[in-house]
Amino acid sequence: MIGVTTPSPTLVAEATKRAGVVWLASPSATPPVPPTLVWHVWHDGAAYVVCGGQEQALPPLGDTAVVTVRSAARARAVDWPAVVQRVRPGSELWAAVTPLLAAQRLNAASATGLPERWAASSTVLQLTPA
């Protein structure tokens, strides 16, 4: 997939969990999405990203993406291929991950009401290692 080999699941999980931000690219999207810095939350084997609306800007991704995690020293720690899926508002997954995302949302005046605002104007994406 996208010319990136899958590193060990342990390396992907540990590196991504520790990183506050990752670079997300989607060479297979039309047009291709260059590496874009995004904040995320790692939960239950996947990274979750909120984009659009009043949140971080991210061009539409294809069905696959490449996640680049950098170390604290800004060196590349790991690249991993991801399957991209939208998390549907009202789903069990939405109920599980949006409170986690809201709790990690920096510079928000309040985490109260964020999931509802996201349901109305943003997109939550699940990035699962391929």
N, C-alpha and C. Protein backbone atom coordinates (compact mmCIF):
# COMPACT_ATOMS: atom_id res chain seq x y z
N MET A 1 0.84 -1.18 0.00
CA MET A 1 0.00 0.00 0.00
C MET A 1 0.88 1.24 0.00
N ILE A 2 0.74 2.09 -0.96
CA ILE A 2 1.38 3.40 -1.04
C ILE A 2 2.89 3.32 -0.87
N GLY A 3 3.50 2.19 -1.08
CA GLY A 3 4.95 2.10 -1.01
C GLY A 3 5.53 2.17 0.39
N VAL A 4 4.72 1.98 1.42
CA VAL A 4 5.22 2.01 2.79
C VAL A 4 5.01 0.62 3.38
N THR A 5 6.08 0.03 3.89
CA THR A 5 5.94 -1.25 4.53
C THR A 5 5.43 -1.05 5.95
N THR A 6 4.71 -2.01 6.45
CA THR A 6 4.14 -1.89 7.77
C THR A 6 5.16 -2.30 8.82
N PRO A 7 5.53 -1.37 9.71
CA PRO A 7 6.43 -1.72 10.81
C PRO A 7 5.68 -2.54 11.85
N SER A 8 6.37 -2.98 12.87
CA SER A 8 5.73 -3.81 13.89
C SER A 8 4.59 -3.05 14.56
N PRO A 9 3.51 -3.74 14.87
CA PRO A 9 2.38 -3.09 15.54
C PRO A 9 2.78 -2.43 16.86
N THR A 10 3.72 -3.01 17.57
CA THR A 10 4.17 -2.44 18.84
C THR A 10 4.86 -1.10 18.60
N LEU A 11 5.71 -1.02 17.60
CA LEU A 11 6.40 0.23 17.28
C LEU A 11 5.39 1.30 16.86
N VAL A 12 4.46 0.94 16.00
CA VAL A 12 3.43 1.88 15.55
C VAL A 12 2.66 2.41 16.75
N ALA A 13 2.18 1.53 17.61
CA ALA A 13 1.37 1.94 18.75
C ALA A 13 2.15 2.82 19.71
N GLU A 14 3.34 2.40 20.10
CA GLU A 14 4.12 3.15 21.08
C GLU A 14 4.54 4.52 20.55
N ALA A 15 5.03 4.57 19.33
CA ALA A 15 5.48 5.84 18.77
C ALA A 15 4.32 6.80 18.58
N THR A 16 3.21 6.31 18.05
CA THR A 16 2.06 7.16 17.77
C THR A 16 1.40 7.63 19.06
N LYS A 17 1.30 6.74 20.03
CA LYS A 17 0.69 7.08 21.31
C LYS A 17 1.44 8.22 22.01
N ARG A 18 2.76 8.21 21.89
CA ARG A 18 3.60 9.21 22.57
C ARG A 18 3.64 10.55 21.84
N ALA A 19 3.34 10.53 20.56
CA ALA A 19 3.41 11.77 19.77
C ALA A 19 2.13 12.57 19.92
N GLY A 20 2.26 13.85 20.15
CA GLY A 20 1.07 14.71 20.22
C GLY A 20 0.53 15.05 18.85
N VAL A 21 1.42 15.04 17.86
CA VAL A 21 1.03 15.33 16.49
C VAL A 21 1.71 14.33 15.56
N VAL A 22 1.14 14.17 14.39
CA VAL A 22 1.72 13.32 13.35
C VAL A 22 1.57 14.04 12.02
N TRP A 23 2.34 13.59 11.04
CA TRP A 23 2.20 14.08 9.67
C TRP A 23 1.34 13.07 8.93
N LEU A 24 0.34 13.57 8.23
CA LEU A 24 -0.60 12.71 7.52
C LEU A 24 -0.60 13.08 6.05
N ALA A 25 -0.35 12.09 5.19
CA ALA A 25 -0.35 12.30 3.74
C ALA A 25 -1.24 11.24 3.10
N SER A 26 -1.76 11.57 1.93
CA SER A 26 -2.58 10.61 1.19
C SER A 26 -2.24 10.72 -0.29
N PRO A 27 -1.16 10.03 -0.69
CA PRO A 27 -0.76 10.08 -2.10
C PRO A 27 -1.82 9.53 -3.05
N SER A 28 -2.72 8.67 -2.55
CA SER A 28 -3.74 8.07 -3.41
C SER A 28 -4.98 8.94 -3.56
N ALA A 29 -5.08 10.03 -2.79
CA ALA A 29 -6.24 10.92 -2.90
C ALA A 29 -6.17 11.69 -4.21
N THR A 30 -7.30 12.21 -4.65
CA THR A 30 -7.35 13.02 -5.85
C THR A 30 -7.83 14.41 -5.48
N PRO A 31 -6.99 15.43 -5.51
CA PRO A 31 -5.55 15.36 -5.77
C PRO A 31 -4.82 14.81 -4.55
N PRO A 32 -3.57 14.37 -4.75
CA PRO A 32 -2.79 13.83 -3.62
C PRO A 32 -2.67 14.85 -2.49
N VAL A 33 -2.74 14.37 -1.27
CA VAL A 33 -2.62 15.23 -0.09
C VAL A 33 -1.18 15.16 0.40
N PRO A 34 -0.47 16.31 0.38
CA PRO A 34 0.91 16.31 0.87
C PRO A 34 0.92 16.16 2.39
N PRO A 35 2.07 15.86 2.98
CA PRO A 35 2.14 15.71 4.44
C PRO A 35 1.58 16.95 5.15
N THR A 36 0.64 16.71 6.05
CA THR A 36 -0.02 17.77 6.79
C THR A 36 0.07 17.43 8.28
N LEU A 37 0.48 18.40 9.08
CA LEU A 37 0.62 18.21 10.52
C LEU A 37 -0.76 18.24 11.17
N VAL A 38 -1.09 17.19 11.95
CA VAL A 38 -2.38 17.11 12.63
C VAL A 38 -2.20 16.58 14.05
N TRP A 39 -3.06 17.02 14.96
CA TRP A 39 -3.08 16.43 16.29
C TRP A 39 -4.02 15.24 16.24
N HIS A 40 -3.81 14.32 17.15
CA HIS A 40 -4.58 13.08 17.12
C HIS A 40 -4.66 12.50 18.53
N VAL A 41 -5.44 11.44 18.65
CA VAL A 41 -5.50 10.62 19.85
C VAL A 41 -5.35 9.18 19.41
N TRP A 42 -4.51 8.42 20.10
CA TRP A 42 -4.37 6.99 19.84
C TRP A 42 -5.30 6.26 20.81
N HIS A 43 -6.12 5.36 20.26
CA HIS A 43 -7.06 4.61 21.10
C HIS A 43 -7.34 3.26 20.47
N ASP A 44 -7.15 2.23 21.24
CA ASP A 44 -7.56 0.88 20.84
C ASP A 44 -7.06 0.48 19.45
N GLY A 45 -5.76 0.75 19.21
CA GLY A 45 -5.15 0.29 17.96
C GLY A 45 -5.31 1.18 16.75
N ALA A 46 -5.76 2.42 16.94
CA ALA A 46 -5.93 3.33 15.81
C ALA A 46 -5.71 4.77 16.27
N ALA A 47 -5.39 5.62 15.30
CA ALA A 47 -5.28 7.06 15.56
C ALA A 47 -6.59 7.71 15.11
N TYR A 48 -7.01 8.74 15.85
CA TYR A 48 -8.24 9.46 15.52
C TYR A 48 -7.91 10.93 15.37
N VAL A 49 -8.50 11.55 14.34
CA VAL A 49 -8.24 12.94 13.98
C VAL A 49 -9.57 13.65 13.78
N VAL A 50 -9.66 14.89 14.25
CA VAL A 50 -10.83 15.73 14.00
C VAL A 50 -10.40 16.80 13.01
N CYS A 51 -11.17 16.97 11.94
CA CYS A 51 -10.83 17.99 10.94
C CYS A 51 -12.09 18.64 10.40
N GLY A 52 -11.89 19.81 9.82
CA GLY A 52 -13.00 20.54 9.23
C GLY A 52 -13.75 21.39 10.25
N GLY A 53 -14.65 22.21 9.77
CA GLY A 53 -15.39 23.11 10.64
C GLY A 53 -14.42 24.08 11.30
N GLN A 54 -14.49 24.21 12.61
CA GLN A 54 -13.59 25.08 13.36
C GLN A 54 -12.31 24.37 13.77
N GLU A 55 -12.14 23.14 13.34
CA GLU A 55 -10.97 22.35 13.73
C GLU A 55 -9.90 22.42 12.63
N GLN A 56 -8.85 21.63 12.82
CA GLN A 56 -7.72 21.67 11.90
C GLN A 56 -8.14 21.36 10.46
N ALA A 57 -7.52 22.08 9.55
CA ALA A 57 -7.82 21.88 8.13
C ALA A 57 -7.07 20.66 7.61
N LEU A 58 -7.77 19.84 6.86
CA LEU A 58 -7.17 18.67 6.25
C LEU A 58 -7.92 18.41 4.95
N PRO A 59 -7.20 18.42 3.82
CA PRO A 59 -7.89 18.13 2.55
C PRO A 59 -8.52 16.73 2.60
N PRO A 60 -9.52 16.49 1.76
CA PRO A 60 -10.12 15.15 1.73
C PRO A 60 -9.08 14.08 1.43
N LEU A 61 -9.10 13.04 2.24
CA LEU A 61 -8.17 11.93 2.08
C LEU A 61 -8.81 10.84 1.24
N GLY A 62 -7.98 10.00 0.67
CA GLY A 62 -8.47 8.81 0.00
C GLY A 62 -8.77 7.75 1.04
N ASP A 63 -8.89 6.51 0.60
CA ASP A 63 -9.16 5.40 1.51
C ASP A 63 -7.92 4.98 2.28
N THR A 64 -6.75 5.46 1.83
CA THR A 64 -5.50 5.10 2.50
C THR A 64 -4.68 6.36 2.73
N ALA A 65 -3.78 6.26 3.69
CA ALA A 65 -2.90 7.38 4.02
C ALA A 65 -1.59 6.84 4.55
N VAL A 66 -0.62 7.74 4.67
CA VAL A 66 0.65 7.41 5.31
C VAL A 66 0.78 8.33 6.52
N VAL A 67 1.03 7.72 7.67
CA VAL A 67 1.20 8.47 8.91
C VAL A 67 2.69 8.47 9.23
N THR A 68 3.25 9.66 9.43
CA THR A 68 4.65 9.79 9.81
C THR A 68 4.71 10.31 11.24
N VAL A 69 5.40 9.56 12.07
CA VAL A 69 5.56 9.93 13.48
C VAL A 69 7.01 10.35 13.66
N ARG A 70 7.21 11.47 14.30
CA ARG A 70 8.56 11.96 14.57
C ARG A 70 8.84 11.88 16.06
N SER A 71 10.10 11.74 16.40
CA SER A 71 10.50 11.69 17.80
C SER A 71 10.56 13.10 18.36
N ALA A 72 10.81 13.20 19.66
CA ALA A 72 10.93 14.51 20.30
C ALA A 72 12.08 15.32 19.69
N ALA A 73 13.08 14.64 19.17
CA ALA A 73 14.22 15.32 18.54
C ALA A 73 13.94 15.62 17.07
N ARG A 74 12.70 15.44 16.64
CA ARG A 74 12.24 15.70 15.27
C ARG A 74 12.77 14.71 14.23
N ALA A 75 13.38 13.66 14.68
CA ALA A 75 13.82 12.62 13.74
C ALA A 75 12.61 11.75 13.40
N ARG A 76 12.61 11.20 12.21
CA ARG A 76 11.52 10.32 11.82
C ARG A 76 11.60 9.05 12.66
N ALA A 77 10.54 8.75 13.38
CA ALA A 77 10.50 7.55 14.21
C ALA A 77 9.94 6.37 13.42
N VAL A 78 8.82 6.62 12.74
CA VAL A 78 8.18 5.53 11.99
C VAL A 78 7.18 6.12 10.99
N ASP A 79 7.09 5.48 9.83
CA ASP A 79 6.03 5.73 8.85
C ASP A 79 5.17 4.48 8.84
N TRP A 80 3.86 4.68 8.83
CA TRP A 80 3.00 3.50 8.74
C TRP A 80 1.80 3.77 7.83
N PRO A 81 1.45 2.75 7.03
CA PRO A 81 0.30 2.89 6.14
C PRO A 81 -0.99 2.73 6.95
N ALA A 82 -2.00 3.51 6.59
CA ALA A 82 -3.26 3.48 7.32
C ALA A 82 -4.44 3.36 6.38
N VAL A 83 -5.44 2.68 6.87
CA VAL A 83 -6.75 2.66 6.21
C VAL A 83 -7.55 3.78 6.87
N VAL A 84 -8.16 4.63 6.05
CA VAL A 84 -8.90 5.80 6.54
C VAL A 84 -10.39 5.51 6.49
N GLN A 85 -11.06 5.71 7.63
CA GLN A 85 -12.51 5.55 7.68
C GLN A 85 -13.10 6.70 8.49
N ARG A 86 -14.24 7.16 8.06
CA ARG A 86 -14.95 8.21 8.79
C ARG A 86 -15.69 7.57 9.96
N VAL A 87 -15.64 8.22 11.11
CA VAL A 87 -16.40 7.76 12.28
C VAL A 87 -17.75 8.48 12.23
N ARG A 88 -18.80 7.73 12.19
CA ARG A 88 -20.14 8.29 12.03
C ARG A 88 -20.68 8.83 13.36
N PRO A 89 -21.18 10.08 13.35
CA PRO A 89 -21.81 10.61 14.56
C PRO A 89 -22.95 9.69 15.00
N GLY A 90 -23.04 9.48 16.31
CA GLY A 90 -24.09 8.63 16.86
C GLY A 90 -23.72 7.17 16.96
N SER A 91 -22.61 6.76 16.33
CA SER A 91 -22.20 5.36 16.39
C SER A 91 -21.55 5.06 17.75
N GLU A 92 -21.41 3.77 18.06
CA GLU A 92 -20.73 3.37 19.29
C GLU A 92 -19.29 3.86 19.29
N LEU A 93 -18.64 3.81 18.14
CA LEU A 93 -17.26 4.28 18.05
C LEU A 93 -17.19 5.78 18.31
N TRP A 94 -18.13 6.54 17.76
CA TRP A 94 -18.19 7.98 18.00
C TRP A 94 -18.29 8.24 19.52
N ALA A 95 -19.19 7.52 20.18
CA ALA A 95 -19.39 7.70 21.62
C ALA A 95 -18.13 7.36 22.41
N ALA A 96 -17.33 6.44 21.90
CA ALA A 96 -16.10 6.03 22.60
C ALA A 96 -14.96 7.01 22.39
N VAL A 97 -14.80 7.51 21.16
CA VAL A 97 -13.59 8.31 20.86
C VAL A 97 -13.76 9.81 21.00
N THR A 98 -14.95 10.36 20.79
CA THR A 98 -15.06 11.82 20.86
C THR A 98 -14.79 12.39 22.26
N PRO A 99 -15.16 11.72 23.34
CA PRO A 99 -14.77 12.26 24.65
C PRO A 99 -13.24 12.27 24.84
N LEU A 100 -12.56 11.27 24.29
CA LEU A 100 -11.10 11.23 24.38
C LEU A 100 -10.48 12.37 23.57
N LEU A 101 -11.02 12.59 22.37
CA LEU A 101 -10.54 13.69 21.54
C LEU A 101 -10.81 15.04 22.21
N ALA A 102 -12.00 15.19 22.77
CA ALA A 102 -12.35 16.46 23.43
C ALA A 102 -11.42 16.72 24.61
N ALA A 103 -11.07 15.69 25.36
CA ALA A 103 -10.19 15.86 26.51
C ALA A 103 -8.79 16.29 26.10
N GLN A 104 -8.36 15.90 24.90
CA GLN A 104 -7.02 16.23 24.42
C GLN A 104 -6.99 17.48 23.54
N ARG A 105 -8.14 18.07 23.30
CA ARG A 105 -8.21 19.24 22.42
C ARG A 105 -7.60 20.44 23.13
N LEU A 106 -6.42 20.86 22.69
CA LEU A 106 -5.74 22.00 23.28
C LEU A 106 -6.43 23.29 22.86
N ASN A 107 -6.36 24.26 23.71
CA ASN A 107 -6.87 25.61 23.45
C ASN A 107 -8.38 25.69 23.29
N ALA A 108 -9.10 24.66 23.66
CA ALA A 108 -10.55 24.74 23.63
C ALA A 108 -11.00 25.43 24.92
N ALA A 109 -11.92 26.35 24.81
CA ALA A 109 -12.43 27.03 26.00
C ALA A 109 -13.04 26.02 26.96
N SER A 110 -13.68 25.00 26.40
CA SER A 110 -14.29 23.94 27.20
C SER A 110 -14.45 22.71 26.32
N ALA A 111 -14.29 21.55 26.92
CA ALA A 111 -14.50 20.30 26.19
C ALA A 111 -16.00 19.99 26.08
N THR A 112 -16.80 20.67 26.87
CA THR A 112 -18.25 20.47 26.85
C THR A 112 -18.81 20.91 25.50
N GLY A 113 -19.57 20.05 24.90
CA GLY A 113 -20.22 20.39 23.64
C GLY A 113 -19.39 20.16 22.39
N LEU A 114 -18.11 19.81 22.55
CA LEU A 114 -17.28 19.59 21.36
C LEU A 114 -17.82 18.45 20.48
N PRO A 115 -18.16 17.29 21.04
CA PRO A 115 -18.67 16.22 20.17
C PRO A 115 -19.91 16.64 19.37
N GLU A 116 -20.78 17.41 19.98
CA GLU A 116 -21.98 17.86 19.26
C GLU A 116 -21.59 18.83 18.15
N ARG A 117 -20.66 19.72 18.43
CA ARG A 117 -20.21 20.66 17.40
C ARG A 117 -19.53 19.90 16.27
N TRP A 118 -18.70 18.91 16.63
CA TRP A 118 -18.04 18.11 15.60
C TRP A 118 -19.05 17.36 14.74
N ALA A 119 -20.09 16.85 15.36
CA ALA A 119 -21.12 16.11 14.59
C ALA A 119 -21.77 17.02 13.56
N ALA A 120 -21.91 18.31 13.90
CA ALA A 120 -22.58 19.25 13.01
C ALA A 120 -21.67 19.81 11.93
N SER A 121 -20.35 19.97 12.24
CA SER A 121 -19.53 20.71 11.29
C SER A 121 -18.15 20.15 11.00
N SER A 122 -17.78 19.04 11.62
CA SER A 122 -16.44 18.49 11.43
C SER A 122 -16.53 17.01 11.06
N THR A 123 -15.37 16.43 10.83
CA THR A 123 -15.27 15.01 10.52
C THR A 123 -14.27 14.38 11.47
N VAL A 124 -14.62 13.23 12.02
CA VAL A 124 -13.68 12.46 12.83
C VAL A 124 -13.25 11.27 11.96
N LEU A 125 -11.93 11.12 11.82
CA LEU A 125 -11.38 10.05 11.00
C LEU A 125 -10.66 9.02 11.88
N GLN A 126 -10.83 7.77 11.51
CA GLN A 126 -10.10 6.67 12.15
C GLN A 126 -9.00 6.25 11.18
N LEU A 127 -7.78 6.21 11.68
CA LEU A 127 -6.61 5.78 10.89
C LEU A 127 -6.11 4.47 11.50
N THR A 128 -6.40 3.38 10.83
CA THR A 128 -6.05 2.06 11.33
C THR A 128 -4.82 1.54 10.60
N PRO A 129 -3.79 1.10 11.33
CA PRO A 129 -2.62 0.54 10.63
C PRO A 129 -3.02 -0.58 9.69
N ALA A 130 -2.50 -0.51 8.47
CA ALA A 130 -2.85 -1.51 7.44
C ALA A 130 -1.95 -2.72 7.55
